[in-house]
Amino acid sequence: MKIFVDADACPVTESIITVAEQENLPVTLVKNFAHFSDKDQPAHVETIYVDKGSDIADFRIIQLAKKGDLVITQDYGLASLCLGKGCIPIHHKGFIYTHENIDRLLMSRHMSAKARKSGQRTKGPKAFTEEDEQKFCQLLRKTIAQMKSDK
């Protein structure tokens, strides 16, 4: 089991790295070159940089992830592809994407994009809070424990 992170705008990257180290799991951060950092990462963390462009990081994650891997993303399209591949996609706000909720989430995204295209204003996401981060970390730990016990 590996953890892949859609890392361009992920607010929980440090928490993921910490939990993964405690659980002895490798982490792969995928981000575009616009987010380049020469910060040293722990040995269990690999950073892959991709060209800047729409969905390039998503396609790289799908290329690398295998059935049973965790993928941390806020992108509903990537989450949908992960479900089809047998990965477990998790949103940084602390919920797991499932076959039961992905259609609703994709439809909501589509309707918002359609409204914006017609000139309407839509609400953006609520600000990320410390409570959101704690909820995410609890879910990540619980999911890892469950996956390890299922093996």
Protein backbone atom coordinates (compact mmCIF):
# COMPACT_ATOMS: atom_id res chain seq x y z
CA MET A 1 0.00 0.00 0.00
CA LYS A 2 1.25 3.45 -0.97
CA ILE A 3 -0.13 6.94 -0.47
CA PHE A 4 -0.28 9.26 -3.47
CA VAL A 5 -0.97 12.95 -2.92
CA ASP A 6 -2.33 15.39 -5.47
CA ALA A 7 -0.01 17.89 -3.83
CA ASP A 8 -0.35 21.18 -5.72
CA ALA A 9 -2.91 22.65 -3.32
CA CYS A 10 -3.12 20.00 -0.61
CA PRO A 11 -3.37 21.59 2.86
CA VAL A 12 -2.69 18.30 4.70
CA THR A 13 0.59 17.24 3.11
CA GLU A 14 2.60 17.50 6.33
CA SER A 15 -0.02 15.52 8.25
CA ILE A 16 0.01 12.81 5.58
CA ILE A 17 3.80 12.57 5.77
CA THR A 18 3.66 12.28 9.58
CA VAL A 19 0.94 9.61 9.63
CA ALA A 20 2.64 7.67 6.82
CA GLU A 21 5.94 7.66 8.71
CA GLN A 22 4.21 6.35 11.85
CA GLU A 23 2.51 3.65 9.75
CA ASN A 24 5.68 2.83 7.79
CA LEU A 25 4.09 3.67 4.43
CA PRO A 26 5.67 5.35 1.41
CA VAL A 27 4.27 8.65 0.17
CA THR A 28 4.48 10.03 -3.35
CA LEU A 29 3.76 13.74 -3.78
CA VAL A 30 2.79 14.67 -7.33
CA LYS A 31 2.90 18.36 -8.20
CA ASN A 32 3.69 20.58 -11.11
CA PHE A 33 6.94 22.49 -11.51
CA ALA A 34 5.22 25.75 -10.52
CA HIS A 35 5.21 24.32 -6.97
CA PHE A 36 8.87 23.27 -6.98
CA SER A 37 10.54 23.09 -3.59
CA ASP A 38 14.06 22.05 -2.67
CA LYS A 39 12.93 21.28 0.89
CA ASP A 40 14.38 18.01 2.12
CA GLN A 41 11.76 15.33 2.65
CA PRO A 42 11.99 12.24 4.87
CA ALA A 43 13.26 9.04 3.24
CA HIS A 44 9.74 7.61 2.86
CA VAL A 45 8.61 10.57 0.72
CA GLU A 46 9.17 10.85 -3.03
CA THR A 47 8.26 13.98 -4.98
CA ILE A 48 7.40 13.75 -8.65
CA TYR A 49 7.16 16.95 -10.64
CA VAL A 50 5.09 17.19 -13.81
CA ASP A 51 4.66 19.89 -16.41
CA LYS A 52 2.16 22.62 -15.72
CA GLY A 53 -1.18 21.97 -17.35
CA SER A 54 -4.71 20.87 -16.75
CA ASP A 55 -4.94 17.38 -15.22
CA ILE A 56 -1.30 16.39 -15.89
CA ALA A 57 -0.68 15.60 -12.20
CA ASP A 58 -3.97 13.65 -12.11
CA PHE A 59 -2.96 11.52 -15.09
CA ARG A 60 0.43 10.82 -13.53
CA ILE A 61 -1.19 9.68 -10.29
CA ILE A 62 -3.54 7.36 -12.19
CA GLN A 63 -0.56 6.00 -14.11
CA LEU A 64 1.35 5.22 -10.89
CA ALA A 65 -1.35 4.18 -8.40
CA LYS A 66 -2.35 0.56 -8.07
CA LYS A 67 -5.37 -1.21 -6.62
CA GLY A 68 -5.41 -0.75 -2.85
CA ASP A 69 -3.35 2.45 -2.81
CA LEU A 70 -4.62 5.59 -1.08
CA VAL A 71 -4.96 8.77 -3.12
CA ILE A 72 -5.44 12.11 -1.38
CA THR A 73 -7.15 14.61 -3.67
CA GLN A 74 -9.79 17.29 -3.75
CA ASP A 75 -10.35 16.67 -7.48
CA TYR A 76 -13.61 14.78 -8.09
CA GLY A 77 -12.54 13.67 -11.56
CA LEU A 78 -9.33 12.11 -10.24
CA ALA A 79 -11.28 10.51 -7.40
CA SER A 80 -13.65 8.95 -9.93
CA LEU A 81 -10.75 7.50 -11.91
CA CYS A 82 -9.22 6.16 -8.69
CA LEU A 83 -12.43 4.38 -7.77
CA GLY A 84 -12.46 2.71 -11.17
CA LYS A 85 -8.91 1.50 -10.61
CA GLY A 86 -9.61 0.10 -7.13
CA CYS A 87 -7.78 2.80 -5.20
CA ILE A 88 -9.19 4.51 -2.11
CA PRO A 89 -9.52 8.25 -2.76
CA ILE A 90 -9.80 10.51 0.28
CA HIS A 91 -10.68 14.22 0.35
CA HIS A 92 -8.59 16.46 2.61
CA LYS A 93 -11.77 17.58 4.41
CA GLY A 94 -12.11 14.09 5.85
CA PHE A 95 -14.37 11.96 3.68
CA ILE A 96 -13.82 8.99 1.42
CA TYR A 97 -15.04 9.14 -2.15
CA THR A 98 -17.24 6.13 -2.88
CA HIS A 99 -19.20 4.68 -5.78
CA GLU A 100 -22.27 5.90 -3.87
CA ASN A 101 -21.25 9.59 -3.60
CA ILE A 102 -19.07 10.26 -6.65
CA ASP A 103 -21.92 10.78 -9.15
CA ARG A 104 -23.53 13.41 -6.91
CA LEU A 105 -20.19 15.18 -6.41
CA LEU A 106 -19.42 15.18 -10.15
CA MET A 107 -22.92 16.48 -10.95
CA SER A 108 -22.54 19.25 -8.38
CA ARG A 109 -19.20 20.24 -9.95
CA HIS A 110 -20.76 20.20 -13.41
CA MET A 111 -23.73 22.34 -12.36
CA SER A 112 -21.46 24.89 -10.67
CA ALA A 113 -19.25 25.12 -13.77
CA LYS A 114 -22.32 25.51 -15.97
CA ALA A 115 -23.66 28.29 -13.73
CA ARG A 116 -20.31 30.13 -13.77
CA LYS A 117 -20.13 29.82 -17.54
CA SER A 118 -23.54 31.51 -17.82
CA GLY A 119 -22.33 34.39 -15.65
CA GLN A 120 -23.73 33.35 -12.31
CA ARG A 121 -21.65 33.55 -9.18
CA THR A 122 -21.15 30.41 -7.13
CA LYS A 123 -19.81 29.91 -3.64
CA GLY A 124 -16.30 28.64 -3.26
CA PRO A 125 -15.30 26.03 -0.72
CA LYS A 126 -15.43 26.88 2.96
CA ALA A 127 -12.12 27.78 4.57
CA PHE A 128 -10.04 24.82 5.70
CA THR A 129 -9.99 24.59 9.50
CA GLU A 130 -7.94 22.83 12.15
CA GLU A 131 -11.03 20.71 12.84
CA ASP A 132 -11.03 19.64 9.18
CA GLU A 133 -7.39 18.59 9.50
CA GLN A 134 -8.08 16.59 12.65
CA LYS A 135 -11.05 14.88 10.96
CA PHE A 136 -8.85 14.04 7.97
CA CYS A 137 -6.06 12.59 10.14
CA GLN A 138 -8.53 10.43 12.07
CA LEU A 139 -10.01 9.12 8.82
CA LEU A 140 -6.57 8.48 7.32
CA ARG A 141 -5.43 6.50 10.38
CA LYS A 142 -8.71 4.54 10.50
CA THR A 143 -8.55 3.74 6.77
CA ILE A 144 -4.93 2.57 6.98
CA ALA A 145 -5.71 0.38 10.00
CA GLN A 146 -8.70 -1.13 8.23
CA MET A 147 -6.71 -1.80 5.05
CA LYS A 148 -3.88 -3.42 7.01
CA SER A 149 -6.31 -5.67 8.88
CA ASP A 150 -8.03 -6.67 5.61
CA LYS A 151 -4.77 -8.07 4.20
